[in-house]
Amino acid sequence: MTINDRSEGPTAIEVPDASAALFHALAEPTRLALLTHLASGEHRVRDLVEHMHLAQSTVSKHLACLRDCGLVTVRAEGRASWFSLADPSRLSDLLESADALLAASGASLSLRDHHDHDQLATEEL
C-alpha cells in the first residue's frame, strides 16, 4: 500500500500491514482514551468499563484491537483480565511525534487535545 496512488518516484511510501493496523488502532478516540488511562498503570476490564462509562463488550472490543497490534498486554488472574501498556515510553514518543507532525502541518488540534475533548464529552454523559 502506498500513501499516494503513484508507486514510482520519491514521494511513494510503502506502508506495511502492521503499520496500517497500528495507525488504525490509534485513529479511534476511545482507544486513545483507554491508552491514556492505562498509562497510569495496570487495570482490570471491569475498572476500565467503569472509568469509560461504556459497555463491557465495547471496552473488550477496543482492548482486543489494541492487544492485536501490540500496544497493550493482558495478564489473567483468576477470572479477571488485567491490561497494561506494552511499551509506555515508545507509545509516549509516538504520540509526541504525532503532535509534532500536526503542529508542523499547521493543525491546531493535537492528539492530546482531541483526547481531552473526548474525555470531557464522556464525563458529561
C-alpha atoms as a PDB file:
ATOM      1  CA  MET A   1       0.000   0.000   0.000  1.00  0.00           C
ATOM      2  CA  THR A   2       1.288   3.495  -0.735  1.00  0.00           C
ATOM      3  CA  ILE A   3       0.229   6.839   0.637  1.00  0.00           C
ATOM      4  CA  ASN A   4      -0.295   8.138  -2.877  1.00  0.00           C
ATOM      5  CA  ASP A   5      -1.538   6.318  -5.925  1.00  0.00           C
ATOM      6  CA  ARG A   6       1.769   6.571  -7.748  1.00  0.00           C
ATOM      7  CA  SER A   7       4.138   3.775  -6.820  1.00  0.00           C
ATOM      8  CA  GLU A   8       7.038   5.462  -8.567  1.00  0.00           C
ATOM      9  CA  GLY A   9       9.047   8.485  -7.623  1.00  0.00           C
ATOM     10  CA  PRO A  10      10.483   9.731  -4.348  1.00  0.00           C
ATOM     11  CA  THR A  11       7.128  10.543  -2.686  1.00  0.00           C
ATOM     12  CA  ALA A  12       5.832   6.964  -2.636  1.00  0.00           C
ATOM     13  CA  ILE A  13       5.903   5.499   0.873  1.00  0.00           C
ATOM     14  CA  GLU A  14       5.368   1.816   1.489  1.00  0.00           C
ATOM     15  CA  VAL A  15       3.118   1.118   4.472  1.00  0.00           C
ATOM     16  CA  PRO A  16       3.283  -2.431   5.821  1.00  0.00           C
ATOM     17  CA  ASP A  17       0.060  -4.014   7.043  1.00  0.00           C
ATOM     18  CA  ALA A  18       1.294  -3.953  10.646  1.00  0.00           C
ATOM     19  CA  SER A  19       1.826  -0.195  10.475  1.00  0.00           C
ATOM     20  CA  ALA A  20      -1.623   0.288   8.999  1.00  0.00           C
ATOM     21  CA  ALA A  21      -3.105  -1.776  11.854  1.00  0.00           C
ATOM     22  CA  LEU A  22      -1.222   0.308  14.410  1.00  0.00           C
ATOM     23  CA  PHE A  23      -2.449   3.609  12.991  1.00  0.00           C
ATOM     24  CA  HIS A  24      -5.969   2.203  12.664  1.00  0.00           C
ATOM     25  CA  ALA A  25      -5.873   1.393  16.388  1.00  0.00           C
ATOM     26  CA  LEU A  26      -4.697   4.916  17.196  1.00  0.00           C
ATOM     27  CA  ALA A  27      -7.359   6.507  14.964  1.00  0.00           C
ATOM     28  CA  GLU A  28     -10.201   5.761  17.397  1.00  0.00           C
ATOM     29  CA  PRO A  29     -10.667   8.336  20.220  1.00  0.00           C
ATOM     30  CA  THR A  30     -11.968   5.689  22.637  1.00  0.00           C
ATOM     31  CA  ARG A  31      -8.838   3.599  22.137  1.00  0.00           C
ATOM     32  CA  LEU A  32      -6.674   6.675  22.721  1.00  0.00           C
ATOM     33  CA  ALA A  33      -8.611   7.297  25.944  1.00  0.00           C
ATOM     34  CA  LEU A  34      -8.024   3.690  27.023  1.00  0.00           C
ATOM     35  CA  LEU A  35      -4.304   4.008  26.302  1.00  0.00           C
ATOM     36  CA  THR A  36      -4.133   7.244  28.276  1.00  0.00           C
ATOM     37  CA  HIS A  37      -5.863   5.625  31.250  1.00  0.00           C
ATOM     38  CA  LEU A  38      -3.620   2.571  31.041  1.00  0.00           C
ATOM     39  CA  ALA A  39      -0.621   4.913  31.231  1.00  0.00           C
ATOM     40  CA  SER A  40      -1.494   5.282  34.932  1.00  0.00           C
ATOM     41  CA  GLY A  41      -0.967   1.546  35.458  1.00  0.00           C
ATOM     42  CA  GLU A  42      -2.477  -1.888  35.047  1.00  0.00           C
ATOM     43  CA  HIS A  43      -6.291  -2.099  35.117  1.00  0.00           C
ATOM     44  CA  ARG A  44      -8.939  -4.808  35.038  1.00  0.00           C
ATOM     45  CA  VAL A  45     -11.534  -4.755  32.279  1.00  0.00           C
ATOM     46  CA  ARG A  46     -14.178  -4.050  34.923  1.00  0.00           C
ATOM     47  CA  ASP A  47     -12.281  -0.953  36.100  1.00  0.00           C
ATOM     48  CA  LEU A  48     -11.920   0.289  32.525  1.00  0.00           C
ATOM     49  CA  VAL A  49     -15.647  -0.214  31.901  1.00  0.00           C
ATOM     50  CA  GLU A  50     -16.490   1.874  34.974  1.00  0.00           C
ATOM     51  CA  HIS A  51     -13.959   4.568  34.082  1.00  0.00           C
ATOM     52  CA  MET A  52     -15.009   4.849  30.449  1.00  0.00           C
ATOM     53  CA  HIS A  53     -18.777   4.564  31.111  1.00  0.00           C
ATOM     54  CA  LEU A  54     -19.071   2.124  28.221  1.00  0.00           C
ATOM     55  CA  ALA A  55     -20.472  -1.370  27.822  1.00  0.00           C
ATOM     56  CA  GLN A  56     -18.127  -4.209  28.706  1.00  0.00           C
ATOM     57  CA  SER A  57     -18.398  -5.569  25.158  1.00  0.00           C
ATOM     58  CA  THR A  58     -17.323  -2.200  23.717  1.00  0.00           C
ATOM     59  CA  VAL A  59     -14.314  -1.897  26.007  1.00  0.00           C
ATOM     60  CA  SER A  60     -13.325  -5.520  25.316  1.00  0.00           C
ATOM     61  CA  LYS A  61     -13.541  -4.942  21.563  1.00  0.00           C
ATOM     62  CA  HIS A  62     -11.272  -1.897  21.778  1.00  0.00           C
ATOM     63  CA  LEU A  63      -8.826  -3.718  24.063  1.00  0.00           C
ATOM     64  CA  ALA A  64      -8.668  -6.631  21.615  1.00  0.00           C
ATOM     65  CA  CYS A  65      -7.731  -4.221  18.821  1.00  0.00           C
ATOM     66  CA  LEU A  66      -5.025  -2.637  20.989  1.00  0.00           C
ATOM     67  CA  ARG A  67      -3.732  -6.062  22.010  1.00  0.00           C
ATOM     68  CA  ASP A  68      -3.704  -7.370  18.430  1.00  0.00           C
ATOM     69  CA  CYS A  69      -1.435  -4.571  17.270  1.00  0.00           C
ATOM     70  CA  GLY A  70       0.867  -4.898  20.277  1.00  0.00           C
ATOM     71  CA  LEU A  71       0.011  -1.724  22.181  1.00  0.00           C
ATOM     72  CA  VAL A  72      -1.293  -3.469  25.298  1.00  0.00           C
ATOM     73  CA  THR A  73      -0.643  -6.740  27.076  1.00  0.00           C
ATOM     74  CA  VAL A  74      -3.062  -8.839  29.090  1.00  0.00           C
ATOM     75  CA  ARG A  75      -2.466 -10.894  32.193  1.00  0.00           C
ATOM     76  CA  ALA A  76      -5.026 -13.353  33.564  1.00  0.00           C
ATOM     77  CA  GLU A  77      -5.533 -13.554  37.306  1.00  0.00           C
ATOM     78  CA  GLY A  78      -8.338 -15.885  38.254  1.00  0.00           C
ATOM     79  CA  ARG A  79     -11.376 -14.740  36.300  1.00  0.00           C
ATOM     80  CA  ALA A  80     -10.036 -11.202  35.830  1.00  0.00           C
ATOM     81  CA  SER A  81      -8.018  -9.905  32.897  1.00  0.00           C
ATOM     82  CA  TRP A  82      -5.511  -7.170  33.695  1.00  0.00           C
ATOM     83  CA  PHE A  83      -4.390  -4.861  30.869  1.00  0.00           C
ATOM     84  CA  SER A  84      -1.293  -2.690  30.718  1.00  0.00           C
ATOM     85  CA  LEU A  85       0.691  -0.774  28.120  1.00  0.00           C
ATOM     86  CA  ALA A  86       3.184  -2.975  26.291  1.00  0.00           C
ATOM     87  CA  ASP A  87       5.790  -0.215  25.898  1.00  0.00           C
ATOM     88  CA  PRO A  88       4.758   3.032  27.644  1.00  0.00           C
ATOM     89  CA  SER A  89       7.836   5.077  26.706  1.00  0.00           C
ATOM     90  CA  ARG A  90       7.655   4.273  22.993  1.00  0.00           C
ATOM     91  CA  LEU A  91       3.905   4.926  22.903  1.00  0.00           C
ATOM     92  CA  SER A  92       4.503   8.302  24.545  1.00  0.00           C
ATOM     93  CA  ASP A  93       7.241   9.048  21.988  1.00  0.00           C
ATOM     94  CA  LEU A  94       4.885   8.077  19.147  1.00  0.00           C
ATOM     95  CA  LEU A  95       2.095  10.352  20.402  1.00  0.00           C
ATOM     96  CA  GLU A  96       4.551  13.228  20.902  1.00  0.00           C
ATOM     97  CA  SER A  97       5.822  12.719  17.331  1.00  0.00           C
ATOM     98  CA  ALA A  98       2.243  12.779  16.048  1.00  0.00           C
ATOM     99  CA  ASP A  99       1.633  16.047  17.905  1.00  0.00           C
ATOM    100  CA  ALA A 100       4.821  17.492  16.355  1.00  0.00           C
ATOM    101  CA  LEU A 101       3.686  16.422  12.862  1.00  0.00           C
ATOM    102  CA  LEU A 102       0.298  18.033  13.432  1.00  0.00           C
ATOM    103  CA  ALA A 103       1.929  21.234  14.642  1.00  0.00           C
ATOM    104  CA  ALA A 104       4.304  21.298  11.647  1.00  0.00           C
ATOM    105  CA  SER A 105       1.347  20.910   9.287  1.00  0.00           C
ATOM    106  CA  GLY A 106      -0.438  23.841  10.884  1.00  0.00           C
ATOM    107  CA  ALA A 107      -3.121  21.708  12.513  1.00  0.00           C
ATOM    108  CA  SER A 108      -4.483  23.436  15.573  1.00  0.00           C
ATOM    109  CA  LEU A 109      -5.683  20.323  17.380  1.00  0.00           C
ATOM    110  CA  SER A 110      -3.180  17.929  18.912  1.00  0.00           C
ATOM    111  CA  LEU A 111      -3.924  14.286  19.635  1.00  0.00           C
ATOM    112  CA  ARG A 112      -3.856  15.057  23.350  1.00  0.00           C
ATOM    113  CA  ASP A 113      -6.318  17.964  22.915  1.00  0.00           C
ATOM    114  CA  HIS A 114      -8.565  15.639  20.914  1.00  0.00           C
ATOM    115  CA  HIS A 115      -8.431  13.077  23.710  1.00  0.00           C
ATOM    116  CA  ASP A 116      -9.156  15.740  26.361  1.00  0.00           C
ATOM    117  CA  HIS A 117     -12.183  16.921  24.360  1.00  0.00           C
ATOM    118  CA  ASP A 118     -13.491  13.353  24.052  1.00  0.00           C
ATOM    119  CA  GLN A 119     -12.835  12.734  27.748  1.00  0.00           C
ATOM    120  CA  LEU A 120     -14.915  15.788  28.711  1.00  0.00           C
ATOM    121  CA  ALA A 121     -17.745  14.636  26.456  1.00  0.00           C
ATOM    122  CA  THR A 122     -17.647  11.173  28.056  1.00  0.00           C
ATOM    123  CA  GLU A 123     -17.670  12.641  31.569  1.00  0.00           C
ATOM    124  CA  GLU A 124     -20.712  14.786  30.726  1.00  0.00           C
ATOM    125  CA  LEU A 125     -22.756  11.655  29.993  1.00  0.00           C
END
